[in-house]
């Protein structure tokens, strides 16, 4: 294996193949699990940042729904 710098990676057979495989993986089409190394066969751990963002979104939606069903909502809407 010899790494080489190639400007723009244009018309490099190995790079074109890698790009094709990366696009397949990004679209959800992946290798058969038995062909992957053992470390990559399980799902990756969730990102703590993504989990927090998801939780905050759910919390905001819950608060909005709860507020819109409140008896004070109509009175406050008249003020706003």
PDB file of N, CA and C in Angstrom:
ATOM      1  N   UNK A   1       0.854  -1.168   0.000  1.00  0.00           N
ATOM      2  CA  UNK A   1       0.000   0.000   0.000  1.00  0.00           C
ATOM      3  C   UNK A   1       0.895   1.224   0.000  1.00  0.00           C
ATOM      4  N   UNK A   2       0.743   2.048  -1.023  1.00  0.00           N
ATOM      5  CA  UNK A   2       1.549   3.252  -1.132  1.00  0.00           C
ATOM      6  C   UNK A   2       0.633   4.456  -1.272  1.00  0.00           C
ATOM      7  N   UNK A   3       0.572   5.326  -0.248  1.00  0.00           N
ATOM      8  CA  UNK A   3      -0.263   6.516  -0.384  1.00  0.00           C
ATOM      9  C   UNK A   3       0.369   7.504  -1.366  1.00  0.00           C
ATOM     10  N   UNK A   4      -0.473   8.089  -2.208  1.00  0.00           N
ATOM     11  CA  UNK A   4       0.000   9.082  -3.172  1.00  0.00           C
ATOM     12  C   UNK A   4      -0.967  10.254  -3.182  1.00  0.00           C
ATOM     13  N   UNK A   5      -0.425  11.452  -3.335  1.00  0.00           N
ATOM     14  CA  UNK A   5      -1.264  12.634  -3.458  1.00  0.00           C
ATOM     15  C   UNK A   5      -1.739  12.725  -4.900  1.00  0.00           C
ATOM     16  N   UNK A   6      -3.042  12.874  -5.057  1.00  0.00           N
ATOM     17  CA  UNK A   6      -3.624  12.995  -6.385  1.00  0.00           C
ATOM     18  C   UNK A   6      -4.514  14.226  -6.372  1.00  0.00           C
ATOM     19  N   UNK A   7      -4.274  15.189  -7.256  1.00  0.00           N
ATOM     20  CA  UNK A   7      -5.087  16.403  -7.247  1.00  0.00           C
ATOM     21  C   UNK A   7      -6.542  16.106  -7.610  1.00  0.00           C
ATOM     22  N   UNK A   8      -7.442  16.406  -6.681  1.00  0.00           N
ATOM     23  CA  UNK A   8      -8.866  16.259  -6.947  1.00  0.00           C
ATOM     24  C   UNK A   8      -9.369  14.831  -6.992  1.00  0.00           C
ATOM     25  N   UNK A   9      -8.506  13.862  -6.883  1.00  0.00           N
ATOM     26  CA  UNK A   9      -8.895  12.454  -6.924  1.00  0.00           C
ATOM     27  C   UNK A   9      -9.691  12.103  -8.184  1.00  0.00           C
ATOM     28  N   UNK A  10      -9.457  12.787  -9.238  1.00  0.00           N
ATOM     29  CA  UNK A  10     -10.182  12.537 -10.481  1.00  0.00           C
ATOM     30  C   UNK A  10      -9.577  11.353 -11.225  1.00  0.00           C
ATOM     31  N   UNK A  11     -10.460  10.508 -11.745  1.00  0.00           N
ATOM     32  CA  UNK A  11     -10.068   9.377 -12.583  1.00  0.00           C
ATOM     33  C   UNK A  11      -9.090   8.419 -11.915  1.00  0.00           C
ATOM     34  N   UNK A  12      -9.185   8.277 -10.610  1.00  0.00           N
ATOM     35  CA  UNK A  12      -8.370   7.305  -9.891  1.00  0.00           C
ATOM     36  C   UNK A  12      -9.279   6.130  -9.583  1.00  0.00           C
ATOM     37  N   UNK A  13      -8.994   4.973 -10.159  1.00  0.00           N
ATOM     38  CA  UNK A  13      -9.889   3.822 -10.067  1.00  0.00           C
ATOM     39  C   UNK A  13     -10.203   3.451  -8.620  1.00  0.00           C
ATOM     40  N   UNK A  14      -9.227   3.374  -7.795  1.00  0.00           N
ATOM     41  CA  UNK A  14      -9.466   3.014  -6.391  1.00  0.00           C
ATOM     42  C   UNK A  14     -10.323   4.038  -5.680  1.00  0.00           C
ATOM     43  N   UNK A  15     -10.096   5.315  -5.977  1.00  0.00           N
ATOM     44  CA  UNK A  15     -10.869   6.373  -5.337  1.00  0.00           C
ATOM     45  C   UNK A  15     -12.308   6.370  -5.836  1.00  0.00           C
ATOM     46  N   UNK A  16     -12.495   6.137  -7.117  1.00  0.00           N
ATOM     47  CA  UNK A  16     -13.848   6.082  -7.668  1.00  0.00           C
ATOM     48  C   UNK A  16     -14.633   4.936  -7.025  1.00  0.00           C
ATOM     49  N   UNK A  17     -13.973   3.803  -6.838  1.00  0.00           N
ATOM     50  CA  UNK A  17     -14.609   2.658  -6.186  1.00  0.00           C
ATOM     51  C   UNK A  17     -14.945   2.996  -4.729  1.00  0.00           C
ATOM     52  N   UNK A  18     -14.029   3.647  -4.039  1.00  0.00           N
ATOM     53  CA  UNK A  18     -14.274   4.046  -2.649  1.00  0.00           C
ATOM     54  C   UNK A  18     -15.440   5.025  -2.566  1.00  0.00           C
ATOM     55  N   UNK A  19     -15.512   5.973  -3.496  1.00  0.00           N
ATOM     56  CA  UNK A  19     -16.624   6.917  -3.526  1.00  0.00           C
ATOM     57  C   UNK A  19     -17.948   6.200  -3.735  1.00  0.00           C
ATOM     58  N   UNK A  20     -17.974   5.236  -4.635  1.00  0.00           N
ATOM     59  CA  UNK A  20     -19.187   4.476  -4.909  1.00  0.00           C
ATOM     60  C   UNK A  20     -19.637   3.717  -3.666  1.00  0.00           C
ATOM     61  N   UNK A  21     -18.693   3.060  -2.994  1.00  0.00           N
ATOM     62  CA  UNK A  21     -19.025   2.297  -1.790  1.00  0.00           C
ATOM     63  C   UNK A  21     -19.477   3.224  -0.657  1.00  0.00           C
ATOM     64  N   UNK A  22     -18.850   4.394  -0.535  1.00  0.00           N
ATOM     65  CA  UNK A  22     -19.244   5.359   0.502  1.00  0.00           C
ATOM     66  C   UNK A  22     -20.658   5.861   0.257  1.00  0.00           C
ATOM     67  N   UNK A  23     -21.009   6.097  -1.001  1.00  0.00           N
ATOM     68  CA  UNK A  23     -22.369   6.541  -1.329  1.00  0.00           C
ATOM     69  C   UNK A  23     -23.385   5.453  -1.004  1.00  0.00           C
ATOM     70  N   UNK A  24     -23.045   4.191  -1.260  1.00  0.00           N
ATOM     71  CA  UNK A  24     -23.933   3.075  -0.912  1.00  0.00           C
ATOM     72  C   UNK A  24     -24.161   3.035   0.597  1.00  0.00           C
ATOM     73  N   UNK A  25     -23.074   3.146   1.353  1.00  0.00           N
ATOM     74  CA  UNK A  25     -23.178   3.090   2.818  1.00  0.00           C
ATOM     75  C   UNK A  25     -23.991   4.262   3.350  1.00  0.00           C
ATOM     76  N   UNK A  26     -23.810   5.447   2.774  1.00  0.00           N
ATOM     77  CA  UNK A  26     -24.552   6.624   3.231  1.00  0.00           C
ATOM     78  C   UNK A  26     -26.034   6.508   2.941  1.00  0.00           C
ATOM     79  N   UNK A  27     -26.395   5.782   1.888  1.00  0.00           N
ATOM     80  CA  UNK A  27     -27.808   5.627   1.540  1.00  0.00           C
ATOM     81  C   UNK A  27     -28.460   4.469   2.285  1.00  0.00           C
ATOM     82  N   UNK A  28     -27.701   3.772   3.124  1.00  0.00           N
ATOM     83  CA  UNK A  28     -28.262   2.683   3.921  1.00  0.00           C
ATOM     84  C   UNK A  28     -27.945   1.305   3.396  1.00  0.00           C
ATOM     85  N   UNK A  29     -27.379   1.217   2.216  1.00  0.00           N
ATOM     86  CA  UNK A  29     -26.984  -0.079   1.660  1.00  0.00           C
ATOM     87  C   UNK A  29     -25.572  -0.350   2.155  1.00  0.00           C
ATOM     88  N   UNK A  30     -25.406  -1.406   2.909  1.00  0.00           N
ATOM     89  CA  UNK A  30     -24.105  -1.671   3.522  1.00  0.00           C
ATOM     90  C   UNK A  30     -23.677  -3.106   3.257  1.00  0.00           C
ATOM     91  N   UNK A  31     -22.492  -3.419   3.692  1.00  0.00           N
ATOM     92  CA  UNK A  31     -21.963  -4.767   3.560  1.00  0.00           C
ATOM     93  C   UNK A  31     -22.757  -5.739   4.422  1.00  0.00           C
ATOM     94  N   UNK A  32     -22.722  -6.988   4.052  1.00  0.00           N
ATOM     95  CA  UNK A  32     -23.354  -8.017   4.866  1.00  0.00           C
ATOM     96  C   UNK A  32     -22.593  -8.071   6.186  1.00  0.00           C
ATOM     97  N   UNK A  33     -23.307  -8.104   7.331  1.00  0.00           N
ATOM     98  CA  UNK A  33     -22.634  -8.053   8.632  1.00  0.00           C
ATOM     99  C   UNK A  33     -21.553  -9.102   8.834  1.00  0.00           C
ATOM    100  N   UNK A  34     -21.714 -10.293   8.263  1.00  0.00           N
ATOM    101  CA  UNK A  34     -20.707 -11.335   8.487  1.00  0.00           C
ATOM    102  C   UNK A  34     -19.389 -11.015   7.790  1.00  0.00           C
ATOM    103  N   UNK A  35     -19.420 -10.093   6.820  1.00  0.00           N
ATOM    104  CA  UNK A  35     -18.195  -9.726   6.104  1.00  0.00           C
ATOM    105  C   UNK A  35     -17.450  -8.581   6.787  1.00  0.00           C
ATOM    106  N   UNK A  36     -18.087  -7.966   7.780  1.00  0.00           N
ATOM    107  CA  UNK A  36     -17.451  -6.864   8.500  1.00  0.00           C
ATOM    108  C   UNK A  36     -16.579  -7.390   9.635  1.00  0.00           C
ATOM    109  N   UNK A  37     -15.573  -6.623  10.046  1.00  0.00           N
ATOM    110  CA  UNK A  37     -14.808  -7.013  11.237  1.00  0.00           C
ATOM    111  C   UNK A  37     -15.738  -7.077  12.446  1.00  0.00           C
ATOM    112  N   UNK A  38     -15.413  -7.915  13.412  1.00  0.00           N
ATOM    113  CA  UNK A  38     -16.276  -8.139  14.571  1.00  0.00           C
ATOM    114  C   UNK A  38     -16.608  -6.832  15.292  1.00  0.00           C
ATOM    115  N   UNK A  39     -15.672  -5.928  15.388  1.00  0.00           N
ATOM    116  CA  UNK A  39     -15.868  -4.654  16.078  1.00  0.00           C
ATOM    117  C   UNK A  39     -16.967  -3.815  15.419  1.00  0.00           C
ATOM    118  N   UNK A  40     -17.140  -3.939  14.105  1.00  0.00           N
ATOM    119  CA  UNK A  40     -18.095  -3.112  13.377  1.00  0.00           C
ATOM    120  C   UNK A  40     -19.459  -3.770  13.178  1.00  0.00           C
ATOM    121  N   UNK A  41     -19.673  -4.938  13.718  1.00  0.00           N
ATOM    122  CA  UNK A  41     -20.939  -5.649  13.505  1.00  0.00           C
ATOM    123  C   UNK A  41     -22.075  -5.126  14.364  1.00  0.00           C
ATOM    124  N   UNK A  42     -21.775  -4.523  15.495  1.00  0.00           N
ATOM    125  CA  UNK A  42     -22.833  -3.985  16.347  1.00  0.00           C
ATOM    126  C   UNK A  42     -23.059  -2.515  16.001  1.00  0.00           C
ATOM    127  N   UNK A  43     -24.170  -1.987  16.496  1.00  0.00           N
ATOM    128  CA  UNK A  43     -24.466  -0.583  16.216  1.00  0.00           C
ATOM    129  C   UNK A  43     -23.528   0.318  17.001  1.00  0.00           C
ATOM    130  N   UNK A  44     -23.293   1.478  16.479  1.00  0.00           N
ATOM    131  CA  UNK A  44     -22.428   2.439  17.148  1.00  0.00           C
ATOM    132  C   UNK A  44     -23.164   3.084  18.311  1.00  0.00           C
ATOM    133  N   UNK A  45     -22.450   3.505  19.341  1.00  0.00           N
ATOM    134  CA  UNK A  45     -23.119   4.181  20.452  1.00  0.00           C
ATOM    135  C   UNK A  45     -23.697   5.518  19.984  1.00  0.00           C
ATOM    136  N   UNK A  46     -24.781   5.905  20.607  1.00  0.00           N
ATOM    137  CA  UNK A  46     -25.434   7.163  20.237  1.00  0.00           C
ATOM    138  C   UNK A  46     -24.599   8.346  20.701  1.00  0.00           C
ATOM    139  N   UNK A  47     -24.656   9.404  19.964  1.00  0.00           N
ATOM    140  CA  UNK A  47     -23.960  10.632  20.317  1.00  0.00           C
ATOM    141  C   UNK A  47     -24.697  11.298  21.475  1.00  0.00           C
ATOM    142  N   UNK A  48     -23.978  11.689  22.516  1.00  0.00           N
ATOM    143  CA  UNK A  48     -24.636  12.338  23.651  1.00  0.00           C
ATOM    144  C   UNK A  48     -25.243  13.668  23.229  1.00  0.00           C
ATOM    145  N   UNK A  49     -24.593  14.368  22.326  1.00  0.00           N
ATOM    146  CA  UNK A  49     -25.126  15.633  21.829  1.00  0.00           C
ATOM    147  C   UNK A  49     -26.437  15.410  21.077  1.00  0.00           C
ATOM    148  N   UNK A  50     -26.480  14.393  20.228  1.00  0.00           N
ATOM    149  CA  UNK A  50     -27.703  14.091  19.478  1.00  0.00           C
ATOM    150  C   UNK A  50     -28.824  13.671  20.420  1.00  0.00           C
ATOM    151  N   UNK A  51     -28.501  12.899  21.455  1.00  0.00           N
ATOM    152  CA  UNK A  51     -29.517  12.485  22.426  1.00  0.00           C
ATOM    153  C   UNK A  51     -30.087  13.687  23.166  1.00  0.00           C
ATOM    154  N   UNK A  52     -29.227  14.613  23.562  1.00  0.00           N
ATOM    155  CA  UNK A  52     -29.685  15.817  24.261  1.00  0.00           C
ATOM    156  C   UNK A  52     -30.570  16.665  23.356  1.00  0.00           C
ATOM    157  N   UNK A  53     -30.173  16.838  22.098  1.00  0.00           N
ATOM    158  CA  UNK A  53     -30.973  17.609  21.158  1.00  0.00           C
ATOM    159  C   UNK A  53     -32.342  16.975  20.962  1.00  0.00           C
ATOM    160  N   UNK A  54     -32.378  15.664  20.827  1.00  0.00           N
ATOM    161  CA  UNK A  54     -33.638  14.953  20.642  1.00  0.00           C
ATOM    162  C   UNK A  54     -34.529  15.109  21.874  1.00  0.00           C
ATOM    163  N   UNK A  55     -33.952  14.953  23.058  1.00  0.00           N
ATOM    164  CA  UNK A  55     -34.710  15.099  24.294  1.00  0.00           C
ATOM    165  C   UNK A  55     -35.265  16.512  24.423  1.00  0.00           C
ATOM    166  N   UNK A  56     -34.453  17.525  24.133  1.00  0.00           N
ATOM    167  CA  UNK A  56     -34.918  18.911  24.231  1.00  0.00           C
ATOM    168  C   UNK A  56     -36.042  19.189  23.245  1.00  0.00           C
ATOM    169  N   UNK A  57     -35.959  18.632  22.060  1.00  0.00           N
ATOM    170  CA  UNK A  57     -37.021  18.802  21.067  1.00  0.00           C
ATOM    171  C   UNK A  57     -38.319  18.179  21.574  1.00  0.00           C
ATOM    172  N   UNK A  58     -38.232  16.970  22.122  1.00  0.00           N
ATOM    173  CA  UNK A  58     -39.416  16.314  22.678  1.00  0.00           C
ATOM    174  C   UNK A  58     -40.001  17.122  23.832  1.00  0.00           C
ATOM    175  N   UNK A  59     -39.139  17.648  24.686  1.00  0.00           N
ATOM    176  CA  UNK A  59     -39.578  18.430  25.833  1.00  0.00           C
ATOM    177  C   UNK A  59     -40.285  19.713  25.388  1.00  0.00           C
ATOM    178  N   UNK A  60     -39.745  20.390  24.384  1.00  0.00           N
ATOM    179  CA  UNK A  60     -40.380  21.612  23.871  1.00  0.00           C
ATOM    180  C   UNK A  60     -41.740  21.306  23.258  1.00  0.00           C
ATOM    181  N   UNK A  61     -41.839  20.203  22.512  1.00  0.00           N
ATOM    182  CA  UNK A  61     -43.119  19.820  21.918  1.00  0.00           C
ATOM    183  C   UNK A  61     -44.144  19.488  22.997  1.00  0.00           C
ATOM    184  N   UNK A  62     -43.714  18.795  24.038  1.00  0.00           N
ATOM    185  CA  UNK A  62     -44.602  18.449  25.142  1.00  0.00           C
ATOM    186  C   UNK A  62     -45.090  19.716  25.855  1.00  0.00           C
ATOM    187  N   UNK A  63     -44.183  20.644  26.101  1.00  0.00           N
ATOM    188  CA  UNK A  63     -44.554  21.900  26.764  1.00  0.00           C
ATOM    189  C   UNK A  63     -45.520  22.706  25.901  1.00  0.00           C
ATOM    190  N   UNK A  64     -45.270  22.767  24.591  1.00  0.00           N
ATOM    191  CA  UNK A  64     -46.154  23.502  23.685  1.00  0.00           C
ATOM    192  C   UNK A  64     -47.549  22.890  23.663  1.00  0.00           C
ATOM    193  N   UNK A  65     -47.612  21.555  23.591  1.00  0.00           N
ATOM    194  CA  UNK A  65     -48.906  20.869  23.579  1.00  0.00           C
ATOM    195  C   UNK A  65     -49.645  21.066  24.898  1.00  0.00           C
ATOM    196  N   UNK A  66     -48.919  20.975  25.992  1.00  0.00           N
ATOM    197  CA  UNK A  66     -49.515  21.147  27.309  1.00  0.00           C
ATOM    198  C   UNK A  66     -50.051  22.572  27.465  1.00  0.00           C
ATOM    199  N   UNK A  67     -49.290  23.566  27.020  1.00  0.00           N
ATOM    200  CA  UNK A  67     -49.702  24.967  27.108  1.00  0.00           C
ATOM    201  C   UNK A  67     -50.930  25.238  26.242  1.00  0.00           C
ATOM    202  N   UNK A  68     -50.968  24.666  25.046  1.00  0.00           N
ATOM    203  CA  UNK A  68     -52.101  24.919  24.152  1.00  0.00           C
ATOM    204  C   UNK A  68     -53.396  24.302  24.685  1.00  0.00           C
ATOM    205  N   UNK A  69     -53.304  23.319  25.567  1.00  0.00           N
ATOM    206  CA  UNK A  69     -54.493  22.709  26.171  1.00  0.00           C
ATOM    207  C   UNK A  69     -54.855  23.357  27.506  1.00  0.00           C
ATOM    208  N   UNK A  70     -54.050  24.287  27.951  1.00  0.00           N
ATOM    209  CA  UNK A  70     -54.275  24.945  29.224  1.00  0.00           C
ATOM    210  C   UNK A  70     -55.480  25.881  29.148  1.00  0.00           C
ATOM    211  N   UNK A  71     -56.162  26.064  30.307  1.00  0.00           N
ATOM    212  CA  UNK A  71     -57.307  26.982  30.348  1.00  0.00           C
ATOM    213  C   UNK A  71     -56.863  28.438  30.219  1.00  0.00           C
ATOM    214  N   UNK A  72     -55.628  28.733  30.531  1.00  0.00           N
ATOM    215  CA  UNK A  72     -55.122  30.101  30.435  1.00  0.00           C
ATOM    216  C   UNK A  72     -54.643  30.472  29.033  1.00  0.00           C
ATOM    217  N   UNK A  73     -54.502  29.475  28.204  1.00  0.00           N
ATOM    218  CA  UNK A  73     -53.977  29.694  26.850  1.00  0.00           C
ATOM    219  C   UNK A  73     -54.831  30.700  26.065  1.00  0.00           C
ATOM    220  N   UNK A  74     -56.147  30.509  26.083  1.00  0.00           N
ATOM    221  CA  UNK A  74     -57.043  31.393  25.316  1.00  0.00           C
ATOM    222  C   UNK A  74     -56.937  32.831  25.810  1.00  0.00           C
ATOM    223  N   UNK A  75     -56.875  33.026  27.140  1.00  0.00           N
ATOM    224  CA  UNK A  75     -56.762  34.381  27.672  1.00  0.00           C
ATOM    225  C   UNK A  75     -55.451  35.043  27.280  1.00  0.00           C
ATOM    226  N   UNK A  76     -54.385  34.255  27.299  1.00  0.00           N
ATOM    227  CA  UNK A  76     -53.073  34.813  26.934  1.00  0.00           C
ATOM    228  C   UNK A  76     -53.012  35.101  25.438  1.00  0.00           C
ATOM    229  N   UNK A  77     -53.678  34.311  24.633  1.00  0.00           N
ATOM    230  CA  UNK A  77     -53.710  34.552  23.186  1.00  0.00           C
ATOM    231  C   UNK A  77     -54.365  35.892  22.890  1.00  0.00           C
ATOM    232  N   UNK A  78     -55.389  36.255  23.664  1.00  0.00           N
ATOM    233  CA  UNK A  78     -56.072  37.542  23.476  1.00  0.00           C
ATOM    234  C   UNK A  78     -55.116  38.700  23.765  1.00  0.00           C
ATOM    235  N   UNK A  79     -54.232  38.515  24.733  1.00  0.00           N
ATOM    236  CA  UNK A  79     -53.263  39.562  25.072  1.00  0.00           C
ATOM    237  C   UNK A  79     -52.180  39.656  23.999  1.00  0.00           C
ATOM    238  N   UNK A  80     -51.727  38.522  23.559  1.00  0.00           N
ATOM    239  CA  UNK A  80     -50.669  38.509  22.538  1.00  0.00           C
ATOM    240  C   UNK A  80     -51.230  38.968  21.226  1.00  0.00           C
TER     241      UNK A  80
END
